[in-house]
N, C-alpha and C. Protein backbone atom coordinates (compact mmCIF):
# COMPACT_ATOMS: atom_id res chain seq x y z
N MET A 1 116.15 92.35 74.49
CA MET A 1 115.54 91.95 75.74
C MET A 1 114.04 92.19 75.66
N LYS A 2 113.29 91.19 76.03
CA LYS A 2 111.84 91.29 76.01
C LYS A 2 111.36 91.88 77.34
N VAL A 3 110.40 92.79 77.25
CA VAL A 3 109.86 93.44 78.45
C VAL A 3 108.75 92.57 79.03
N ASN A 4 108.87 92.26 80.30
CA ASN A 4 107.85 91.49 81.00
C ASN A 4 106.74 92.46 81.41
N LYS A 5 105.56 92.29 80.81
CA LYS A 5 104.47 93.24 81.04
C LYS A 5 103.96 93.21 82.48
N MET A 6 104.00 92.06 83.12
CA MET A 6 103.53 91.97 84.50
C MET A 6 104.46 92.75 85.43
N ILE A 7 105.76 92.59 85.24
CA ILE A 7 106.72 93.32 86.07
C ILE A 7 106.64 94.81 85.78
N LEU A 8 106.44 95.18 84.52
CA LEU A 8 106.29 96.59 84.16
C LEU A 8 105.05 97.19 84.83
N ASN A 9 103.95 96.46 84.84
CA ASN A 9 102.72 96.92 85.48
C ASN A 9 102.94 97.11 86.99
N ILE A 10 103.60 96.16 87.61
CA ILE A 10 103.90 96.27 89.04
C ILE A 10 104.80 97.47 89.31
N SER A 11 105.78 97.69 88.44
CA SER A 11 106.70 98.82 88.61
C SER A 11 105.97 100.15 88.49
N LEU A 12 105.07 100.25 87.52
CA LEU A 12 104.29 101.48 87.35
C LEU A 12 103.46 101.78 88.60
N TRP A 13 102.80 100.76 89.13
CA TRP A 13 101.96 100.96 90.31
C TRP A 13 102.78 101.24 91.56
N LEU A 14 103.91 100.57 91.73
CA LEU A 14 104.74 100.81 92.91
C LEU A 14 105.29 102.23 92.92
N ALA A 15 105.63 102.76 91.75
CA ALA A 15 106.13 104.14 91.68
C ALA A 15 105.03 105.12 92.09
N VAL A 16 103.79 104.86 91.69
CA VAL A 16 102.68 105.75 92.06
C VAL A 16 102.34 105.58 93.55
N LEU A 17 102.30 104.36 94.02
CA LEU A 17 101.94 104.12 95.42
C LEU A 17 103.01 104.59 96.40
N ALA A 18 104.23 104.79 95.91
CA ALA A 18 105.28 105.33 96.77
C ALA A 18 104.93 106.73 97.25
N ILE A 19 104.14 107.46 96.47
CA ILE A 19 103.70 108.80 96.87
C ILE A 19 102.86 108.71 98.15
N LEU A 20 102.02 107.70 98.25
CA LEU A 20 101.11 107.58 99.38
C LEU A 20 101.75 106.96 100.61
N PHE A 21 102.63 105.98 100.41
CA PHE A 21 103.10 105.19 101.54
C PHE A 21 104.48 105.56 102.07
N ILE A 22 105.27 106.28 101.29
CA ILE A 22 106.60 106.69 101.74
C ILE A 22 106.54 108.17 102.10
N PRO A 23 107.00 108.54 103.29
CA PRO A 23 106.89 109.94 103.72
C PRO A 23 107.63 110.89 102.78
N GLY A 24 107.09 112.09 102.69
CA GLY A 24 107.68 113.11 101.84
C GLY A 24 108.83 113.82 102.50
N ASN A 25 109.54 114.59 101.70
CA ASN A 25 110.68 115.36 102.16
C ASN A 25 110.31 116.84 102.09
N ALA A 26 110.38 117.54 103.22
CA ALA A 26 110.04 118.97 103.27
C ALA A 26 111.32 119.77 103.49
N PRO A 27 111.84 120.41 102.41
CA PRO A 27 113.06 121.22 102.58
C PRO A 27 112.80 122.40 103.50
N THR A 28 113.82 122.79 104.26
CA THR A 28 113.66 123.89 105.22
C THR A 28 113.83 125.25 104.58
N GLU A 29 114.50 125.33 103.45
CA GLU A 29 114.71 126.62 102.80
C GLU A 29 113.97 126.67 101.47
N GLY A 30 113.67 127.86 101.02
CA GLY A 30 112.95 128.02 99.76
C GLY A 30 111.45 128.02 99.98
N ALA A 31 110.71 127.75 98.91
CA ALA A 31 109.25 127.75 98.97
C ALA A 31 108.75 126.59 99.84
N ASP A 32 107.56 126.78 100.43
CA ASP A 32 106.95 125.71 101.22
C ASP A 32 106.47 124.62 100.28
N ARG A 33 107.13 123.49 100.33
CA ARG A 33 106.78 122.38 99.44
C ARG A 33 107.14 121.06 100.11
N ILE A 34 106.49 120.01 99.62
CA ILE A 34 106.79 118.66 100.07
C ILE A 34 107.04 117.83 98.83
N LYS A 35 108.16 117.09 98.82
CA LYS A 35 108.53 116.26 97.68
C LYS A 35 108.24 114.79 98.01
N TYR A 36 107.59 114.10 97.08
CA TYR A 36 107.25 112.69 97.25
C TYR A 36 107.86 111.87 96.13
N GLY A 37 108.01 110.58 96.40
CA GLY A 37 108.52 109.63 95.41
C GLY A 37 109.71 108.88 95.96
N PHE A 38 109.92 107.67 95.45
CA PHE A 38 111.08 106.88 95.85
C PHE A 38 111.52 106.02 94.69
N PRO A 39 112.76 105.94 94.36
CA PRO A 39 113.95 106.51 94.97
C PRO A 39 114.21 107.96 94.58
N LEU A 40 113.64 108.43 93.49
CA LEU A 40 113.77 109.84 93.11
C LEU A 40 112.47 110.57 93.42
N ARG A 41 112.57 111.81 93.83
CA ARG A 41 111.39 112.63 94.13
C ARG A 41 110.84 113.19 92.82
N PHE A 42 109.60 112.84 92.48
CA PHE A 42 109.02 113.30 91.22
C PHE A 42 107.69 114.02 91.40
N PHE A 43 107.11 113.99 92.57
CA PHE A 43 105.82 114.62 92.85
C PHE A 43 106.05 115.70 93.90
N ILE A 44 105.80 116.96 93.53
CA ILE A 44 106.04 118.08 94.45
C ILE A 44 104.72 118.79 94.71
N GLN A 45 104.39 118.96 95.99
CA GLN A 45 103.17 119.65 96.38
C GLN A 45 103.56 120.96 97.06
N TYR A 46 103.17 122.07 96.46
CA TYR A 46 103.45 123.39 97.02
C TYR A 46 102.34 123.76 97.99
N GLN A 47 102.69 124.31 99.14
CA GLN A 47 101.74 124.57 100.21
C GLN A 47 101.08 125.95 100.13
N GLN A 48 101.41 126.76 99.14
CA GLN A 48 100.88 128.12 99.10
C GLN A 48 99.51 128.22 98.43
N ASN A 49 99.05 127.19 97.73
CA ASN A 49 97.76 127.22 97.05
C ASN A 49 96.76 126.33 97.78
N SER A 50 95.53 126.84 97.91
CA SER A 50 94.51 126.05 98.60
C SER A 50 93.87 125.02 97.67
N TRP A 51 93.92 125.23 96.36
CA TRP A 51 93.36 124.29 95.41
C TRP A 51 94.34 123.15 95.19
N PHE A 52 93.85 121.90 95.23
CA PHE A 52 94.72 120.72 95.23
C PHE A 52 95.63 120.65 94.00
N ILE A 53 95.06 120.68 92.82
CA ILE A 53 95.84 120.46 91.61
C ILE A 53 96.70 121.67 91.25
N LYS A 54 96.29 122.84 91.65
CA LYS A 54 97.04 124.04 91.29
C LYS A 54 98.43 124.07 91.93
N GLY A 55 98.59 123.47 93.06
CA GLY A 55 99.86 123.48 93.76
C GLY A 55 100.67 122.20 93.61
N VAL A 56 100.49 121.48 92.50
CA VAL A 56 101.16 120.20 92.31
C VAL A 56 102.04 120.26 91.06
N SER A 57 103.23 119.72 91.18
CA SER A 57 104.14 119.60 90.05
C SER A 57 104.56 118.14 89.93
N ILE A 58 104.42 117.58 88.73
CA ILE A 58 104.78 116.19 88.49
C ILE A 58 105.90 116.16 87.45
N ASP A 59 107.03 115.57 87.83
CA ASP A 59 108.17 115.42 86.94
C ASP A 59 108.07 114.04 86.29
N LEU A 60 107.62 113.99 85.04
CA LEU A 60 107.41 112.71 84.37
C LEU A 60 108.72 111.97 84.11
N PHE A 61 109.78 112.71 83.83
CA PHE A 61 111.07 112.05 83.63
C PHE A 61 111.50 111.32 84.90
N GLY A 62 111.36 111.97 86.04
CA GLY A 62 111.69 111.34 87.32
C GLY A 62 110.82 110.12 87.59
N TYR A 63 109.54 110.21 87.22
CA TYR A 63 108.63 109.07 87.40
C TYR A 63 109.09 107.87 86.57
N PHE A 64 109.41 108.11 85.30
CA PHE A 64 109.82 107.00 84.44
C PHE A 64 111.18 106.44 84.83
N VAL A 65 112.06 107.28 85.37
CA VAL A 65 113.33 106.76 85.90
C VAL A 65 113.05 105.87 87.10
N ASN A 66 112.13 106.26 87.96
CA ASN A 66 111.73 105.42 89.09
C ASN A 66 111.19 104.08 88.61
N VAL A 67 110.35 104.11 87.58
CA VAL A 67 109.78 102.87 87.03
C VAL A 67 110.90 101.97 86.51
N VAL A 68 111.87 102.54 85.81
CA VAL A 68 112.98 101.74 85.28
C VAL A 68 113.80 101.14 86.42
N ILE A 69 114.06 101.91 87.46
CA ILE A 69 114.83 101.40 88.60
C ILE A 69 114.08 100.27 89.29
N ILE A 70 112.79 100.46 89.54
CA ILE A 70 111.99 99.42 90.20
C ILE A 70 111.89 98.18 89.32
N TYR A 71 111.72 98.38 88.00
CA TYR A 71 111.66 97.25 87.06
C TYR A 71 112.97 96.46 87.10
N ALA A 72 114.10 97.16 87.11
CA ALA A 72 115.40 96.49 87.13
C ALA A 72 115.59 95.70 88.42
N VAL A 73 115.17 96.26 89.54
CA VAL A 73 115.31 95.56 90.82
C VAL A 73 114.44 94.31 90.85
N ILE A 74 113.19 94.42 90.42
CA ILE A 74 112.30 93.26 90.43
C ILE A 74 112.80 92.19 89.46
N SER A 75 113.25 92.60 88.27
CA SER A 75 113.77 91.64 87.30
C SER A 75 115.02 90.95 87.83
N GLY A 76 115.89 91.70 88.49
CA GLY A 76 117.08 91.11 89.08
C GLY A 76 116.75 90.10 90.17
N LEU A 77 115.79 90.45 91.02
CA LEU A 77 115.37 89.52 92.07
C LEU A 77 114.75 88.26 91.48
N GLN A 78 113.98 88.42 90.42
CA GLN A 78 113.37 87.26 89.76
C GLN A 78 114.45 86.38 89.12
N TYR A 79 115.46 86.99 88.52
CA TYR A 79 116.55 86.24 87.91
C TYR A 79 117.33 85.44 88.96
N ILE A 80 117.63 86.09 90.09
CA ILE A 80 118.36 85.41 91.16
C ILE A 80 117.53 84.27 91.73
N ASN A 81 116.23 84.48 91.89
CA ASN A 81 115.35 83.44 92.41
C ASN A 81 115.28 82.25 91.45
N ASN A 82 115.20 82.51 90.15
CA ASN A 82 115.16 81.42 89.17
C ASN A 82 116.47 80.64 89.16
N LYS A 83 117.60 81.33 89.28
CA LYS A 83 118.89 80.64 89.33
C LYS A 83 118.98 79.74 90.56
N ARG A 84 118.50 80.26 91.69
CA ARG A 84 118.53 79.49 92.94
C ARG A 84 117.66 78.24 92.82
N LYS A 85 116.49 78.38 92.22
CA LYS A 85 115.60 77.23 92.04
C LYS A 85 116.22 76.20 91.10
N ASN A 86 116.89 76.67 90.04
CA ASN A 86 117.52 75.74 89.10
C ASN A 86 118.66 74.97 89.75
N ARG A 87 119.40 75.60 90.64
CA ARG A 87 120.48 74.90 91.35
C ARG A 87 119.92 73.82 92.25
N ARG A 88 118.79 74.10 92.89
CA ARG A 88 118.16 73.09 93.76
C ARG A 88 117.71 71.89 92.94
N ASN A 89 117.14 72.14 91.77
CA ASN A 89 116.64 71.05 90.94
C ASN A 89 117.78 70.23 90.35
N ASP A 90 118.94 70.83 90.11
CA ASP A 90 120.08 70.11 89.55
C ASP A 90 120.74 69.20 90.57
N GLN A 91 120.62 69.51 91.84
CA GLN A 91 121.28 68.70 92.88
C GLN A 91 120.55 67.46 93.12
């Protein structure tokens, strides 16, 4: 299977932008932290440090799983759209 670079680029950016546009999850127990990311939480911000980068944890495996999930969804939607267009042209 050939990787579509445009869809991969969109998937990479959507996974990063999910941190900004989708609300985080703040667990009620344990350390004060907020988890960001969609569909998997991969960016964790701990509230105990005043310095921005010192209180951040990034799970790269979770990020790349998000990219793969988003890539698969976009590719599937593109495949369904192409099939629908081909049916219209055949009629």
